Structures are given as structure tokens and as C-alpha cells.
Protein backbone atom coordinates (compact mmCIF):
# COMPACT_ATOMS: atom_id res chain seq x y z
CA UNK A 1 -62.19 -31.78 9.78
CA UNK A 2 -58.71 -31.12 8.52
CA UNK A 3 -57.27 -27.71 7.92
CA UNK A 4 -54.56 -27.05 5.39
CA UNK A 5 -52.08 -24.47 6.61
CA UNK A 6 -51.41 -22.00 3.84
CA UNK A 7 -48.08 -20.34 3.66
CA UNK A 8 -47.92 -16.58 3.79
CA UNK A 9 -46.50 -15.28 0.46
CA UNK A 10 -45.00 -12.27 2.24
CA UNK A 11 -43.25 -14.55 4.71
CA UNK A 12 -41.90 -16.69 1.85
CA UNK A 13 -40.64 -13.59 0.07
CA UNK A 14 -38.89 -12.38 3.22
CA UNK A 15 -37.29 -15.79 3.72
CA UNK A 16 -36.13 -15.93 0.11
CA UNK A 17 -34.66 -12.44 0.33
CA UNK A 18 -32.91 -13.34 3.58
CA UNK A 19 -31.52 -16.48 1.98
CA UNK A 20 -30.45 -14.55 -1.10
CA UNK A 21 -28.73 -11.86 0.98
CA UNK A 22 -26.70 -14.39 2.98
CA UNK A 23 -23.08 -14.86 2.02
CA UNK A 24 -22.97 -18.24 0.27
CA UNK A 25 -19.45 -17.92 -1.11
CA UNK A 26 -16.96 -19.41 1.35
CA UNK A 27 -13.86 -19.15 -0.84
CA UNK A 28 -12.52 -17.32 -3.88
CA UNK A 29 -10.47 -18.72 -6.75
CA UNK A 30 -7.66 -16.61 -8.22
CA UNK A 31 -7.25 -16.73 -11.98
CA UNK A 32 -3.67 -15.59 -11.45
CA UNK A 33 -1.37 -13.07 -13.07
CA UNK A 34 -1.01 -15.05 -16.30
CA UNK A 35 -1.72 -18.50 -17.71
CA UNK A 36 1.58 -18.73 -19.58
CA UNK A 37 4.01 -21.16 -17.86
CA UNK A 38 7.05 -19.26 -19.16
CA UNK A 39 5.82 -15.90 -17.82
CA UNK A 40 4.87 -17.56 -14.53
CA UNK A 41 8.40 -18.93 -14.19
CA UNK A 42 9.88 -15.51 -14.99
CA UNK A 43 7.65 -13.80 -12.39
CA UNK A 44 8.47 -16.50 -9.82
CA UNK A 45 12.22 -15.95 -10.29
CA UNK A 46 11.80 -12.17 -10.22
CA UNK A 47 9.90 -12.24 -6.92
CA UNK A 48 12.43 -14.66 -5.44
CA UNK A 49 15.33 -12.38 -6.41
CA UNK A 50 13.62 -9.38 -4.85
CA UNK A 51 12.96 -11.30 -1.65
CA UNK A 52 16.49 -12.67 -1.34
CA UNK A 53 18.30 -9.41 -2.14
CA UNK A 54 16.16 -6.33 -1.63
CA UNK A 55 14.08 -7.45 1.35
CA UNK A 56 17.18 -8.03 3.53
CA UNK A 57 18.33 -4.60 2.35
CA UNK A 58 15.19 -3.07 3.85
CA UNK A 59 15.86 -4.73 7.19
CA UNK A 60 19.48 -3.55 6.99
CA UNK A 61 18.21 0.02 6.59
CA UNK A 62 16.03 -0.35 9.70
CA UNK A 63 18.90 -1.87 11.68
CA UNK A 64 21.35 0.82 10.56
CA UNK A 65 19.03 3.67 11.56
CA UNK A 66 18.28 1.95 14.87
CA UNK A 67 21.91 1.35 15.85
CA UNK A 68 23.60 4.52 14.60
CA UNK A 69 23.16 7.47 17.01
CA UNK A 70 24.17 9.83 14.20
CA UNK A 71 20.97 8.96 12.33
CA UNK A 72 18.61 10.28 14.97
CA UNK A 73 17.11 13.10 12.88
CA UNK A 74 13.38 12.91 12.07
CA UNK A 75 14.18 12.23 8.40
CA UNK A 76 15.87 8.93 9.30
CA UNK A 77 13.20 8.10 11.86
CA UNK A 78 10.58 8.31 9.11
CA UNK A 79 12.84 6.51 6.61
CA UNK A 80 13.14 3.58 9.02
CA UNK A 81 9.36 3.46 9.37
CA UNK A 82 9.00 3.60 5.58
CA UNK A 83 11.31 0.58 5.26
CA UNK A 84 9.26 -1.25 7.91
CA UNK A 85 5.94 -0.43 6.22
CA UNK A 86 7.23 -1.46 2.79
CA UNK A 87 8.70 -4.71 4.10
CA UNK A 88 5.41 -5.52 5.86
CA UNK A 89 3.43 -4.54 2.76
CA UNK A 90 5.48 -6.92 0.61
CA UNK A 91 4.47 -9.87 2.82
CA UNK A 92 0.75 -9.44 2.06
CA UNK A 93 0.69 -10.55 -1.59
CA UNK A 94 4.05 -11.93 -2.75
CA UNK A 95 4.42 -15.03 -0.47
CA UNK A 96 0.98 -16.28 -1.47
CA UNK A 97 1.83 -15.65 -5.13
CA UNK A 98 4.91 -17.87 -4.78
CA UNK A 99 2.78 -20.64 -3.24
CA UNK A 100 0.06 -20.26 -5.88
CA UNK A 101 2.58 -20.62 -8.70
CA UNK A 102 3.23 -24.15 -7.40
CA UNK A 103 -0.47 -24.99 -6.96
CA UNK A 104 -2.96 -26.11 -9.56
CA UNK A 105 -5.92 -24.46 -7.82
CA UNK A 106 -5.35 -21.01 -6.36
CA UNK A 107 -7.93 -20.75 -3.57
CA UNK A 108 -8.35 -18.32 -0.68
CA UNK A 109 -11.09 -18.43 1.95
CA UNK A 110 -13.62 -15.62 2.32
CA UNK A 111 -12.13 -14.57 5.65
CA UNK A 112 -8.63 -14.82 4.26
CA UNK A 113 -9.62 -12.59 1.35
CA UNK A 114 -11.10 -9.95 3.67
CA UNK A 115 -8.01 -10.11 5.90
CA UNK A 116 -5.67 -9.68 2.93
CA UNK A 117 -7.72 -6.75 1.68
CA UNK A 118 -7.70 -5.11 5.12
CA UNK A 119 -3.92 -5.25 5.60
CA UNK A 120 -3.29 -4.23 2.00
CA UNK A 121 -5.13 -0.93 2.49
CA UNK A 122 -4.12 -0.52 6.14
CA UNK A 123 -0.40 -0.55 5.34
CA UNK A 124 -0.84 1.15 1.96
CA UNK A 125 -2.86 3.99 3.47
CA UNK A 126 -0.35 4.36 6.29
CA UNK A 127 2.51 4.57 3.81
CA UNK A 128 0.74 7.23 1.76
CA UNK A 129 0.23 9.32 4.89
CA UNK A 130 3.87 8.73 5.84
CA UNK A 131 4.96 10.31 2.56
CA UNK A 132 2.81 13.32 3.45
CA UNK A 133 4.53 13.53 6.84
CA UNK A 134 7.95 13.27 5.19
CA UNK A 135 7.02 16.09 2.83
CA UNK A 136 6.05 18.22 5.84
CA UNK A 137 9.38 17.38 7.49
CA UNK A 138 11.22 18.34 4.31
CA UNK A 139 9.33 21.65 4.05
CA UNK A 140 10.14 22.64 7.65
CA UNK A 141 13.80 21.61 7.26
CA UNK A 142 14.35 23.63 4.08
CA UNK A 143 11.93 26.52 4.27
CA UNK A 144 11.77 27.05 8.08
CA UNK A 145 15.14 25.78 9.38
CA UNK A 146 15.13 27.99 12.48
CA UNK A 147 11.91 26.37 13.70
CA UNK A 148 12.87 22.81 12.74
CA UNK A 149 14.12 21.61 16.14
CA UNK A 150 11.06 23.13 17.83
CA UNK A 151 8.45 21.82 15.42
CA UNK A 152 9.91 18.38 14.62
CA UNK A 153 10.77 17.30 18.16
CA UNK A 154 10.63 13.59 19.17
CA UNK A 155 7.16 13.95 20.68
CA UNK A 156 5.77 15.48 17.48
CA UNK A 157 7.34 12.71 15.41
CA UNK A 158 5.72 10.03 17.59
CA UNK A 159 2.34 11.77 17.41
CA UNK A 160 2.59 12.01 13.62
CA UNK A 161 3.53 8.34 13.44
CA UNK A 162 0.51 7.32 15.54
CA UNK A 163 -1.71 9.57 13.43
CA UNK A 164 -0.66 7.94 10.16
CA UNK A 165 -1.20 4.45 11.59
CA UNK A 166 -4.66 5.50 12.79
CA UNK A 167 -5.41 7.10 9.42
CA UNK A 168 -4.42 3.93 7.59
CA UNK A 169 -6.68 1.89 9.89
CA UNK A 170 -9.68 4.16 9.30
CA UNK A 171 -9.07 4.14 5.54
CA UNK A 172 -8.97 0.34 5.48
CA UNK A 173 -11.79 -0.43 7.91
CA UNK A 174 -14.24 1.70 5.89
CA UNK A 175 -13.64 -0.45 2.82
CA UNK A 176 -13.83 -3.70 4.76
CA UNK A 177 -17.15 -2.74 6.38
CA UNK A 178 -18.63 -1.80 3.00
CA UNK A 179 -17.57 -5.12 1.48
CA UNK A 180 -18.80 -7.18 4.44
CA UNK A 181 -22.30 -5.79 3.84
CA UNK A 182 -22.35 -7.13 0.27
CA UNK A 183 -23.91 -10.54 -0.55
CA UNK A 184 -21.77 -13.02 -2.49
CA UNK A 185 -23.83 -15.79 -4.06
CA UNK A 186 -21.43 -16.79 -6.84
CA UNK A 187 -19.47 -16.84 -9.10
CA UNK A 188 -16.35 -16.83 -6.96
CA UNK A 189 -13.52 -16.43 -9.50
CA UNK A 190 -11.33 -13.35 -8.98
CA UNK A 191 -9.60 -12.17 -12.14
CA UNK A 192 -6.47 -11.27 -10.21
CA UNK A 193 -3.67 -12.80 -8.13
CA UNK A 194 -4.79 -11.23 -4.82
CA UNK A 195 -7.91 -9.82 -3.17
CA UNK A 196 -8.54 -6.16 -3.89
CA UNK A 197 -11.59 -3.93 -3.81
CA UNK A 198 -12.39 -3.59 -7.55
CA UNK A 199 -12.35 -7.34 -8.28
CA UNK A 200 -14.19 -8.39 -5.11
CA UNK A 201 -16.99 -5.86 -5.62
CA UNK A 202 -17.65 -7.23 -9.11
CA UNK A 203 -18.61 -10.61 -7.64
CA UNK A 204 -21.37 -9.23 -5.38
CA UNK A 205 -24.86 -10.35 -6.41
CA UNK A 206 -26.46 -6.93 -5.96
CA UNK A 207 -26.26 -3.44 -7.38
CA UNK A 208 -22.88 -2.03 -6.30
CA UNK A 209 -22.99 1.43 -7.87
CA UNK A 210 -23.16 3.27 -4.53
CA UNK A 211 -20.46 1.08 -2.99
CA UNK A 212 -18.18 1.62 -5.99
CA UNK A 213 -18.73 5.35 -5.74
CA UNK A 214 -17.84 5.32 -2.04
CA UNK A 215 -14.74 3.25 -2.77
CA UNK A 216 -13.60 5.70 -5.44
CA UNK A 217 -14.00 8.58 -3.00
CA UNK A 218 -12.27 6.70 -0.17
CA UNK A 219 -9.29 5.42 -2.19
CA UNK A 220 -9.17 7.19 -5.53
CA UNK A 221 -9.99 10.78 -4.63
CA UNK A 222 -7.87 10.81 -1.47
CA UNK A 223 -4.94 9.29 -3.38
CA UNK A 224 -5.24 11.90 -6.13
CA UNK A 225 -5.48 14.76 -3.63
CA UNK A 226 -2.41 13.53 -1.73
CA UNK A 227 -0.50 13.16 -4.99
CA UNK A 228 -1.31 16.69 -6.18
CA UNK A 229 -0.68 18.15 -2.72
CA UNK A 230 2.72 16.44 -2.42
CA UNK A 231 3.88 17.61 -5.84
CA UNK A 232 2.71 21.14 -5.01
CA UNK A 233 4.61 21.13 -1.71
CA UNK A 234 7.86 20.10 -3.38
CA UNK A 235 7.32 22.73 -6.06
CA UNK A 236 7.04 25.32 -3.27
CA UNK A 237 10.26 24.02 -1.70
CA UNK A 238 12.17 24.22 -4.98
CA UNK A 239 10.91 27.75 -5.60
CA UNK A 240 12.03 28.69 -2.08
CA UNK A 241 15.63 27.50 -2.61
CA UNK A 242 15.92 28.83 -6.16
CA UNK A 243 18.00 31.82 -5.08
CA UNK A 244 19.94 30.03 -2.32
CA UNK A 245 23.62 29.08 -2.27
CA UNK A 246 24.68 26.31 -4.63
CA UNK A 247 25.38 23.73 -1.88
CA UNK A 248 22.02 24.25 -0.17
CA UNK A 249 20.24 24.30 -3.49
CA UNK A 250 21.96 21.08 -4.62
CA UNK A 251 21.07 19.26 -1.39
CA UNK A 252 17.45 20.42 -1.56
CA UNK A 253 17.22 19.34 -5.20
CA UNK A 254 18.60 15.90 -4.37
CA UNK A 255 16.18 15.42 -1.45
CA UNK A 256 13.16 16.62 -3.41
CA UNK A 257 14.05 14.49 -6.44
CA UNK A 258 14.19 11.37 -4.28
CA UNK A 259 10.85 12.16 -2.67
CA UNK A 260 9.19 12.87 -6.02
CA UNK A 261 10.42 9.55 -7.45
CA UNK A 262 8.87 7.68 -4.50
CA UNK A 263 5.65 9.68 -4.87
CA UNK A 264 5.29 8.63 -8.50
CA UNK A 265 6.10 4.99 -7.66
CA UNK A 266 3.61 4.96 -4.80
CA UNK A 267 0.72 7.07 -6.05
CA UNK A 268 0.96 6.55 -9.83
CA UNK A 269 -0.29 2.93 -9.87
CA UNK A 270 -2.80 3.64 -7.06
CA UNK A 271 -4.33 6.48 -9.08
CA UNK A 272 -4.52 4.22 -12.14
CA UNK A 273 -6.31 1.48 -10.18
CA UNK A 274 -8.65 3.37 -7.84
CA UNK A 275 -9.61 6.69 -9.44
CA UNK A 276 -11.48 5.30 -12.43
CA UNK A 277 -14.70 3.27 -12.56
CA UNK A 278 -14.15 -0.37 -11.79
CA UNK A 279 -13.66 -1.54 -15.36
CA UNK A 280 -11.10 -4.14 -16.35
CA UNK A 281 -8.17 -2.97 -18.46
CA UNK A 282 -5.40 -5.13 -19.94
CA UNK A 283 -2.73 -3.33 -17.91
CA UNK A 284 -4.49 -3.79 -14.53
CA UNK A 285 -2.63 -6.92 -13.46
CA UNK A 286 0.79 -5.64 -14.52
CA UNK A 287 0.29 -2.34 -12.69
CA UNK A 288 -1.03 -4.17 -9.61
CA UNK A 289 1.98 -6.52 -9.67
CA UNK A 290 4.50 -3.69 -9.62
CA UNK A 291 2.41 -1.74 -7.09
CA UNK A 292 2.08 -4.58 -4.56
CA UNK A 293 5.30 -6.59 -5.08
CA UNK A 294 8.12 -4.67 -6.76
CA UNK A 295 7.78 -0.99 -5.79
CA UNK A 296 7.36 -1.49 -2.01
CA UNK A 297 10.76 -3.17 -1.85
CA UNK A 298 12.34 -0.50 -4.04
CA UNK A 299 11.22 2.62 -2.18
CA UNK A 300 13.60 2.50 0.83
CA UNK A 301 16.45 1.37 -1.43
CA UNK A 302 16.00 4.47 -3.62
CA UNK A 303 16.08 6.67 -0.53
CA UNK A 304 19.23 4.94 0.72
CA UNK A 305 21.11 5.10 -2.58
CA UNK A 306 20.59 8.86 -2.69
CA UNK A 307 21.47 9.47 0.96
CA UNK A 308 25.19 9.61 1.68
CA UNK A 309 24.80 9.54 5.48
CA UNK A 310 22.82 6.30 5.48
CA UNK A 311 25.20 4.65 3.00
CA UNK A 312 28.25 5.60 5.09
CA UNK A 313 26.61 4.36 8.29
CA UNK A 314 25.64 1.12 6.58
CA UNK A 315 29.23 0.53 5.44
CA UNK A 316 30.50 1.11 8.99
CA UNK A 317 27.89 -1.28 10.39
CA UNK A 318 28.78 -4.02 7.89
CA UNK A 319 32.53 -3.60 8.33
CA UNK A 320 32.19 -3.63 12.12
CA UNK A 321 30.00 -6.73 12.44
CA UNK A 322 30.39 -8.76 9.25
CA UNK A 323 34.19 -8.46 9.00
CA UNK A 324 34.64 -9.20 12.69
């Protein structure tokens, strides 16, 4: 007598669900910034110019602050770290863009996509927190000058620096963990030129409403709160120096203006991208391009151009080493 082994429908369902939930996508394909060859050539030249001119300028800022003993104040310590963060941030997206412009198929592996996303938010979150620390330094220097040397001592500066790196790591790892739990069964085309949270989430083959909501709270809401808090702090500083002497008032205005410009360059595009529901808008790619490629290289340069001490020290450094 022969027995026919019948399959358990519940077991089959469990196996199908397990198979469906497995990550089948092993690579993602970028659709790129644009399909126009002329615009691609223009963007390629623009990125190359920024890398050949402004990126060395960022390293020159770091070197100047490191070598000049006169630039040992906390402001310059944080400015050097800002230049380092921005230079590192610019290496996440732009080099691959340059390579992809010369390739017919723009492909990135699943692990490479997750790695790019992690460092993008790790360094971006750290830079946002660094701007908060710089605002605190500015407030103590202008509004509480008698306590400045006590509060902003070297140990405090190092602790604040470690805290912002840790904060950037926590901010990034939360998003990576949430994305790693999502199944990707196809399609695998990313309508962008790099891996970022909104585009990657759209490709998940499951309901992502809760994940999107968590992402908006983690990136969007925190970015908006930091932006409003920073603008409020500089408004308090300007109100504090309103009745001060003209020289002190002028210096405070110059410092605050520089910081506010960087705040808008840093947080403006981030608010546009992360605080709204993950819907595609025509301006998304343009805003993302300036946010990830152009602005990071510009931030330290803006600080330097409006800081006479750093410019003078840089001239002395160049005349001493380059001329010799």
C-alpha cells in the first residue's frame, strides 16, 4: 500500500511568506540626475571645478587652523571640524556621480547602497549637531563673555565634539536598521543619483507607512526643530547686543549673519526633502544635488571669507610655505 504525503497548506503559506520577505534585490540602478547629455556635461564640469578648487580650500582651512597657534579658540576648533565634516560629506555622493556620468549603466550593490545611506546621514547628522554647538559657543561668547573661558574650555569642546559624532551615529543607525528590515523584491530602479531614504523606501514590497512616519520624525522633525531653535538663538543674541557699542555690535552681526547663511544652506534643503510625505516633486533632484554636492563644499569657505583672522593666517601660511 502506498501513501501519498500531502503537503500542509499552513506550512506552504509560511514558506511562501518567508520567501516573499527575503531580500531578493541584490543591486539598485540609478536613473541619474538627468537624461540630457548637455546637462550631464554641465554638471560633470561643475562638480569637477568644485573638487579642484573648493575642496583643496577646505583642507587649507583645516591645515591653517591646525598650524596657527593664534587660532586656538573654540570657534576655530569647531570651524576646522566643520571643514572636515563637509569635505568627508562631499566624498559620499560626488565621486560616484562622476563615475556614473561615464557609465552606461549606473549600478550600486545593495550593501553599497546601505553603506552610502549610512554615511550620508551619519556625517549630515553630525554636521547639523555641530551647527547647534557652534550656536551655543556664539551665545556664550557674546551674551556671557565673563564665563566663556570657564564654560568653553578644551575638555568641554572635546566632549561636545564626541557627543555630536555619537548623535550623528545614532541618527543614522536608526534609519539603516529600519531599512534593513524591509523586503525588496523588485523593481530596483532608484529615481535619483544616490541612495537616500525616501527613494529606497518606495521600492520595498510591503506597506511602508509606519516606516515613513518614523523616518519623518527621525530626520524631518528633528531637522525642523534644530532649524527653528538655531534661528531663535541668533535672534536672542542680536537682541542682546542691540544696545551695545558699535564695534561689538558690528562683530556680533557679522558672526550671526555668517552662521544664519550656513543654517539656511544646511537645513533648508533637508527640511524640503525630509519633512514632507515621501512624494516625488520635480525639484527633488536639484535640491538634493545642491544639498549633497555643492553646499557642503561652500560652507567652510563662507565662514572663512567672513573671518578676517582665518584669512590673515591663511595668507601667512601660503606666503611662508608656497613662496619659499
